[in-house]
C-alpha atoms as a PDB file:
ATOM      1  CA  UNK A   1     305.250-159.794 132.027  1.00  0.00           C
ATOM      2  CA  UNK A   2     305.813-158.638 128.431  1.00  0.00           C
ATOM      3  CA  UNK A   3     303.565-160.294 125.847  1.00  0.00           C
ATOM      4  CA  UNK A   4     305.763-161.708 123.065  1.00  0.00           C
ATOM      5  CA  UNK A   5     303.021-161.321 120.471  1.00  0.00           C
ATOM      6  CA  UNK A   6     302.173-157.761 121.510  1.00  0.00           C
ATOM      7  CA  UNK A   7     305.824-156.884 120.972  1.00  0.00           C
ATOM      8  CA  UNK A   8     305.988-158.636 117.622  1.00  0.00           C
ATOM      9  CA  UNK A   9     302.748-157.146 116.306  1.00  0.00           C
ATOM     10  CA  UNK A  10     303.746-153.652 117.488  1.00  0.00           C
ATOM     11  CA  UNK A  11     306.319-153.599 114.695  1.00  0.00           C
ATOM     12  CA  UNK A  12     305.342-151.664 111.543  1.00  0.00           C
ATOM     13  CA  UNK A  13     303.375-153.519 108.884  1.00  0.00           C
ATOM     14  CA  UNK A  14     301.818-156.961 109.097  1.00  0.00           C
ATOM     15  CA  UNK A  15     304.184-159.745 110.121  1.00  0.00           C
ATOM     16  CA  UNK A  16     302.392-162.377 108.033  1.00  0.00           C
ATOM     17  CA  UNK A  17     300.898-160.068 105.427  1.00  0.00           C
ATOM     18  CA  UNK A  18     297.287-159.102 104.875  1.00  0.00           C
ATOM     19  CA  UNK A  19     296.306-161.819 102.378  1.00  0.00           C
ATOM     20  CA  UNK A  20     294.662-165.030 103.610  1.00  0.00           C
ATOM     21  CA  UNK A  21     296.494-168.303 104.000  1.00  0.00           C
ATOM     22  CA  UNK A  22     296.455-170.251 100.726  1.00  0.00           C
ATOM     23  CA  UNK A  23     295.170-173.489 102.275  1.00  0.00           C
ATOM     24  CA  UNK A  24     292.347-171.618 103.999  1.00  0.00           C
ATOM     25  CA  UNK A  25     291.381-169.921 100.739  1.00  0.00           C
ATOM     26  CA  UNK A  26     291.161-173.335  99.089  1.00  0.00           C
ATOM     27  CA  UNK A  27     289.168-174.987 101.880  1.00  0.00           C
ATOM     28  CA  UNK A  28     286.810-172.072 102.538  1.00  0.00           C
ATOM     29  CA  UNK A  29     285.057-172.748  99.251  1.00  0.00           C
ATOM     30  CA  UNK A  30     283.240-175.607 101.009  1.00  0.00           C
ATOM     31  CA  UNK A  31     281.814-173.432 103.793  1.00  0.00           C
ATOM     32  CA  UNK A  32     278.104-172.609 103.774  1.00  0.00           C
ATOM     33  CA  UNK A  33     277.072-169.060 102.933  1.00  0.00           C
ATOM     34  CA  UNK A  34     277.142-166.646 105.880  1.00  0.00           C
ATOM     35  CA  UNK A  35     278.826-169.252 108.078  1.00  0.00           C
ATOM     36  CA  UNK A  36     279.691-168.543 111.688  1.00  0.00           C
ATOM     37  CA  UNK A  37     283.468-169.010 111.923  1.00  0.00           C
ATOM     38  CA  UNK A  38     285.817-169.107 114.918  1.00  0.00           C
ATOM     39  CA  UNK A  39     289.443-168.156 114.208  1.00  0.00           C
ATOM     40  CA  UNK A  40     291.669-168.738 117.272  1.00  0.00           C
ATOM     41  CA  UNK A  41     295.168-167.319 117.088  1.00  0.00           C
ATOM     42  CA  UNK A  42     294.171-164.919 114.319  1.00  0.00           C
ATOM     43  CA  UNK A  43     296.992-162.489 115.151  1.00  0.00           C
ATOM     44  CA  UNK A  44     296.760-159.367 113.008  1.00  0.00           C
ATOM     45  CA  UNK A  45     293.614-160.633 111.322  1.00  0.00           C
ATOM     46  CA  UNK A  46     294.572-161.601 107.786  1.00  0.00           C
ATOM     47  CA  UNK A  47     292.439-164.756 107.833  1.00  0.00           C
ATOM     48  CA  UNK A  48     289.505-163.556 109.902  1.00  0.00           C
ATOM     49  CA  UNK A  49     289.176-160.342 107.906  1.00  0.00           C
ATOM     50  CA  UNK A  50     289.259-162.235 104.616  1.00  0.00           C
ATOM     51  CA  UNK A  51     286.547-164.601 105.848  1.00  0.00           C
ATOM     52  CA  UNK A  52     284.437-161.614 106.886  1.00  0.00           C
ATOM     53  CA  UNK A  53     284.921-160.192 103.387  1.00  0.00           C
ATOM     54  CA  UNK A  54     283.436-163.417 102.014  1.00  0.00           C
ATOM     55  CA  UNK A  55     280.246-162.762 103.999  1.00  0.00           C
ATOM     56  CA  UNK A  56     280.917-164.933 107.051  1.00  0.00           C
ATOM     57  CA  UNK A  57     280.340-163.888 110.669  1.00  0.00           C
ATOM     58  CA  UNK A  58     283.776-164.186 112.260  1.00  0.00           C
ATOM     59  CA  UNK A  59     284.943-164.354 115.867  1.00  0.00           C
ATOM     60  CA  UNK A  60     288.705-163.708 115.828  1.00  0.00           C
ATOM     61  CA  UNK A  61     290.395-164.690 119.087  1.00  0.00           C
ATOM     62  CA  UNK A  62     293.967-163.914 120.065  1.00  0.00           C
ATOM     63  CA  UNK A  63     296.260-163.444 123.067  1.00  0.00           C
ATOM     64  CA  UNK A  64     297.557-160.150 121.664  1.00  0.00           C
ATOM     65  CA  UNK A  65     295.485-156.987 122.075  1.00  0.00           C
ATOM     66  CA  UNK A  66     297.896-155.302 119.646  1.00  0.00           C
ATOM     67  CA  UNK A  67     297.191-157.936 117.010  1.00  0.00           C
ATOM     68  CA  UNK A  68     293.438-157.672 117.502  1.00  0.00           C
ATOM     69  CA  UNK A  69     293.570-153.882 117.131  1.00  0.00           C
ATOM     70  CA  UNK A  70     295.399-154.323 113.827  1.00  0.00           C
ATOM     71  CA  UNK A  71     292.769-156.867 112.758  1.00  0.00           C
ATOM     72  CA  UNK A  72     289.995-154.356 113.426  1.00  0.00           C
ATOM     73  CA  UNK A  73     291.910-151.681 111.507  1.00  0.00           C
ATOM     74  CA  UNK A  74     292.388-154.039 108.559  1.00  0.00           C
ATOM     75  CA  UNK A  75     288.678-154.883 108.561  1.00  0.00           C
ATOM     76  CA  UNK A  76     287.798-151.191 108.595  1.00  0.00           C
ATOM     77  CA  UNK A  77     290.042-150.652 105.569  1.00  0.00           C
ATOM     78  CA  UNK A  78     288.108-153.352 103.720  1.00  0.00           C
ATOM     79  CA  UNK A  79     284.814-151.540 104.307  1.00  0.00           C
ATOM     80  CA  UNK A  80     281.971-151.174 106.812  1.00  0.00           C
ATOM     81  CA  UNK A  81     280.289-154.461 105.885  1.00  0.00           C
ATOM     82  CA  UNK A  82     283.485-156.408 106.523  1.00  0.00           C
ATOM     83  CA  UNK A  83     284.114-154.557 109.789  1.00  0.00           C
ATOM     84  CA  UNK A  84     280.572-155.325 110.954  1.00  0.00           C
ATOM     85  CA  UNK A  85     281.042-159.056 110.368  1.00  0.00           C
ATOM     86  CA  UNK A  86     284.283-159.269 112.392  1.00  0.00           C
ATOM     87  CA  UNK A  87     284.171-159.582 116.178  1.00  0.00           C
ATOM     88  CA  UNK A  88     287.432-159.753 118.125  1.00  0.00           C
ATOM     89  CA  UNK A  89     288.037-161.246 121.564  1.00  0.00           C
ATOM     90  CA  UNK A  90     291.155-161.410 123.705  1.00  0.00           C
ATOM     91  CA  UNK A  91     291.615-164.893 125.187  1.00  0.00           C
ATOM     92  CA  UNK A  92     294.257-167.205 126.566  1.00  0.00           C
ATOM     93  CA  UNK A  93     293.597-170.612 125.027  1.00  0.00           C
ATOM     94  CA  UNK A  94     294.939-172.321 128.149  1.00  0.00           C
ATOM     95  CA  UNK A  95     291.748-171.424 129.981  1.00  0.00           C
ATOM     96  CA  UNK A  96     289.244-170.176 127.416  1.00  0.00           C
ATOM     97  CA  UNK A  97     286.176-172.332 126.803  1.00  0.00           C
ATOM     98  CA  UNK A  98     284.459-171.523 123.510  1.00  0.00           C
ATOM     99  CA  UNK A  99     280.688-172.063 123.340  1.00  0.00           C
ATOM    100  CA  UNK A 100     279.883-175.636 122.375  1.00  0.00           C
ATOM    101  CA  UNK A 101     278.151-176.372 119.093  1.00  0.00           C
ATOM    102  CA  UNK A 102     278.112-172.730 118.030  1.00  0.00           C
ATOM    103  CA  UNK A 103     280.216-172.545 114.857  1.00  0.00           C
ATOM    104  CA  UNK A 104     280.050-173.799 111.281  1.00  0.00           C
ATOM    105  CA  UNK A 105     283.852-173.748 111.076  1.00  0.00           C
ATOM    106  CA  UNK A 106     286.948-173.411 113.220  1.00  0.00           C
ATOM    107  CA  UNK A 107     290.087-172.171 111.445  1.00  0.00           C
ATOM    108  CA  UNK A 108     293.512-172.819 112.972  1.00  0.00           C
ATOM    109  CA  UNK A 109     296.276-171.402 110.784  1.00  0.00           C
ATOM    110  CA  UNK A 110     299.761-171.625 112.300  1.00  0.00           C
ATOM    111  CA  UNK A 111     298.246-171.471 115.784  1.00  0.00           C
ATOM    112  CA  UNK A 112     301.059-173.291 117.570  1.00  0.00           C
ATOM    113  CA  UNK A 113     300.638-174.402 121.186  1.00  0.00           C
ATOM    114  CA  UNK A 114     302.883-176.403 123.513  1.00  0.00           C
ATOM    115  CA  UNK A 115     301.866-180.064 123.354  1.00  0.00           C
ATOM    116  CA  UNK A 116     300.284-180.176 126.826  1.00  0.00           C
ATOM    117  CA  UNK A 117     298.110-177.163 126.017  1.00  0.00           C
ATOM    118  CA  UNK A 118     297.414-178.350 122.478  1.00  0.00           C
ATOM    119  CA  UNK A 119     295.930-181.592 123.792  1.00  0.00           C
ATOM    120  CA  UNK A 120     293.546-179.570 125.998  1.00  0.00           C
ATOM    121  CA  UNK A 121     292.638-176.827 123.541  1.00  0.00           C
ATOM    122  CA  UNK A 122     292.079-178.835 120.367  1.00  0.00           C
ATOM    123  CA  UNK A 123     289.198-180.964 121.732  1.00  0.00           C
ATOM    124  CA  UNK A 124     287.571-177.815 123.169  1.00  0.00           C
ATOM    125  CA  UNK A 125     287.792-176.100 119.806  1.00  0.00           C
ATOM    126  CA  UNK A 126     286.404-179.136 117.994  1.00  0.00           C
ATOM    127  CA  UNK A 127     283.490-179.194 120.445  1.00  0.00           C
ATOM    128  CA  UNK A 128     282.699-175.603 119.438  1.00  0.00           C
ATOM    129  CA  UNK A 129     281.588-176.892 116.025  1.00  0.00           C
ATOM    130  CA  UNK A 130     278.014-177.633 115.090  1.00  0.00           C
ATOM    131  CA  UNK A 131     277.379-181.202 113.880  1.00  0.00           C
ATOM    132  CA  UNK A 132     278.874-181.360 110.399  1.00  0.00           C
ATOM    133  CA  UNK A 133     280.929-178.231 111.009  1.00  0.00           C
ATOM    134  CA  UNK A 134     284.482-178.211 109.657  1.00  0.00           C
ATOM    135  CA  UNK A 135     287.811-177.669 111.378  1.00  0.00           C
ATOM    136  CA  UNK A 136     290.502-176.409 109.006  1.00  0.00           C
ATOM    137  CA  UNK A 137     294.086-176.513 110.265  1.00  0.00           C
ATOM    138  CA  UNK A 138     297.535-175.818 108.886  1.00  0.00           C
ATOM    139  CA  UNK A 139     300.630-175.902 111.097  1.00  0.00           C
ATOM    140  CA  UNK A 140     304.340-176.419 110.785  1.00  0.00           C
ATOM    141  CA  UNK A 141     305.622-179.996 110.962  1.00  0.00           C
ATOM    142  CA  UNK A 142     308.540-180.979 113.247  1.00  0.00           C
ATOM    143  CA  UNK A 143     310.757-181.265 110.170  1.00  0.00           C
ATOM    144  CA  UNK A 144     310.363-177.488 109.747  1.00  0.00           C
ATOM    145  CA  UNK A 145     312.742-177.034 112.682  1.00  0.00           C
ATOM    146  CA  UNK A 146     315.940-175.339 111.534  1.00  0.00           C
ATOM    147  CA  UNK A 147     314.423-173.768 108.435  1.00  0.00           C
ATOM    148  CA  UNK A 148     314.279-170.004 108.048  1.00  0.00           C
ATOM    149  CA  UNK A 149     310.815-169.834 106.463  1.00  0.00           C
ATOM    150  CA  UNK A 150     308.940-169.470 109.760  1.00  0.00           C
ATOM    151  CA  UNK A 151     307.509-171.296 112.731  1.00  0.00           C
ATOM    152  CA  UNK A 152     308.379-171.986 116.367  1.00  0.00           C
ATOM    153  CA  UNK A 153     311.919-172.960 117.269  1.00  0.00           C
ATOM    154  CA  UNK A 154     310.674-175.539 119.809  1.00  0.00           C
ATOM    155  CA  UNK A 155     309.796-178.976 118.432  1.00  0.00           C
ATOM    156  CA  UNK A 156     307.187-179.374 121.191  1.00  0.00           C
ATOM    157  CA  UNK A 157     305.118-176.705 119.401  1.00  0.00           C
ATOM    158  CA  UNK A 158     305.226-178.378 115.973  1.00  0.00           C
ATOM    159  CA  UNK A 159     302.518-180.816 114.852  1.00  0.00           C
ATOM    160  CA  UNK A 160     302.516-184.173 113.127  1.00  0.00           C
ATOM    161  CA  UNK A 161     299.423-185.606 111.490  1.00  0.00           C
ATOM    162  CA  UNK A 162     299.451-188.359 114.119  1.00  0.00           C
ATOM    163  CA  UNK A 163     299.297-185.684 116.849  1.00  0.00           C
ATOM    164  CA  UNK A 164     296.219-184.133 115.286  1.00  0.00           C
ATOM    165  CA  UNK A 165     294.496-187.455 114.763  1.00  0.00           C
ATOM    166  CA  UNK A 166     294.986-188.195 118.454  1.00  0.00           C
ATOM    167  CA  UNK A 167     293.704-184.748 119.478  1.00  0.00           C
ATOM    168  CA  UNK A 168     290.485-185.029 117.476  1.00  0.00           C
ATOM    169  CA  UNK A 169     289.798-188.756 117.877  1.00  0.00           C
ATOM    170  CA  UNK A 170     286.133-189.409 118.566  1.00  0.00           C
ATOM    171  CA  UNK A 171     285.182-185.803 117.781  1.00  0.00           C
ATOM    172  CA  UNK A 172     285.923-185.256 114.098  1.00  0.00           C
ATOM    173  CA  UNK A 173     285.799-187.375 110.976  1.00  0.00           C
ATOM    174  CA  UNK A 174     288.938-186.636 108.985  1.00  0.00           C
ATOM    175  CA  UNK A 175     288.327-185.502 105.415  1.00  0.00           C
ATOM    176  CA  UNK A 176     291.896-184.418 104.666  1.00  0.00           C
ATOM    177  CA  UNK A 177     295.218-185.228 106.278  1.00  0.00           C
ATOM    178  CA  UNK A 178     298.563-184.362 104.706  1.00  0.00           C
ATOM    179  CA  UNK A 179     302.194-183.654 105.573  1.00  0.00           C
ATOM    180  CA  UNK A 180     304.589-182.175 103.049  1.00  0.00           C
ATOM    181  CA  UNK A 181     306.382-179.189 101.590  1.00  0.00           C
ATOM    182  CA  UNK A 182     304.778-175.965 100.409  1.00  0.00           C
ATOM    183  CA  UNK A 183     306.074-172.603  99.211  1.00  0.00           C
ATOM    184  CA  UNK A 184     305.158-169.865 101.669  1.00  0.00           C
ATOM    185  CA  UNK A 185     304.623-166.225 100.741  1.00  0.00           C
ATOM    186  CA  UNK A 186     302.929-164.686 103.771  1.00  0.00           C
ATOM    187  CA  UNK A 187     304.485-161.353 104.664  1.00  0.00           C
ATOM    188  CA  UNK A 188     308.026-161.189 106.064  1.00  0.00           C
ATOM    189  CA  UNK A 189     307.269-163.899 108.653  1.00  0.00           C
ATOM    190  CA  UNK A 190     306.644-166.828 106.312  1.00  0.00           C
ATOM    191  CA  UNK A 191     308.814-166.882 103.196  1.00  0.00           C
ATOM    192  CA  UNK A 192     310.196-169.820 101.257  1.00  0.00           C
ATOM    193  CA  UNK A 193     309.854-173.580 101.339  1.00  0.00           C
ATOM    194  CA  UNK A 194     308.209-174.919 104.477  1.00  0.00           C
ATOM    195  CA  UNK A 195     307.188-178.307 105.847  1.00  0.00           C
ATOM    196  CA  UNK A 196     303.594-178.271 107.027  1.00  0.00           C
ATOM    197  CA  UNK A 197     300.820-180.488 108.335  1.00  0.00           C
ATOM    198  CA  UNK A 198     297.295-180.000 107.035  1.00  0.00           C
ATOM    199  CA  UNK A 199     294.121-181.395 108.521  1.00  0.00           C
ATOM    200  CA  UNK A 200     290.404-180.983 107.859  1.00  0.00           C
ATOM    201  CA  UNK A 201     287.778-182.743 109.899  1.00  0.00           C
ATOM    202  CA  UNK A 202     283.981-182.655 110.226  1.00  0.00           C
ATOM    203  CA  UNK A 203     282.199-182.685 113.598  1.00  0.00           C
ATOM    204  CA  UNK A 204     280.337-185.883 114.304  1.00  0.00           C
END
């Protein structure tokens, strides 16, 4: 069966650019030095590579081997130290179990999953955090549907703040929760005004 993301990432260039997500850049300032960071759904690597550039040890996970290869190439362009701090792993989040209590941070940037899978994967990813570790998430809100600035075309794959609070209940203490409009400038894939949901939580 063709892999949708392999086909998309096989196109020339970087679909969502090579610069990190703006919300991640803002929130990463609170991470400890040389943090161990898990980045599921990292695609072509813009966020994982940037985190590695900041001195963090990054595990970038994705369902697309093509995307992961582009992530490794991007890291190599940024220099040998960055490349050495980035590890990539192919995984299907429907069955992948990350190691528990292993990471200082989990970063989920526009990693959209069908609701049934989301409710399974999000608690597993939260459990991968060390006590006090931070989960940083930005996703499109259901009110993004119909806009041309990016995101899934299926409302079942769009997240409300209430959805995320349910997913992480009993696992994370919310430190930030917000729904609203932002201006996106992330490669050709995310351009213009978008409605997003943002969430940050700390592992209990």
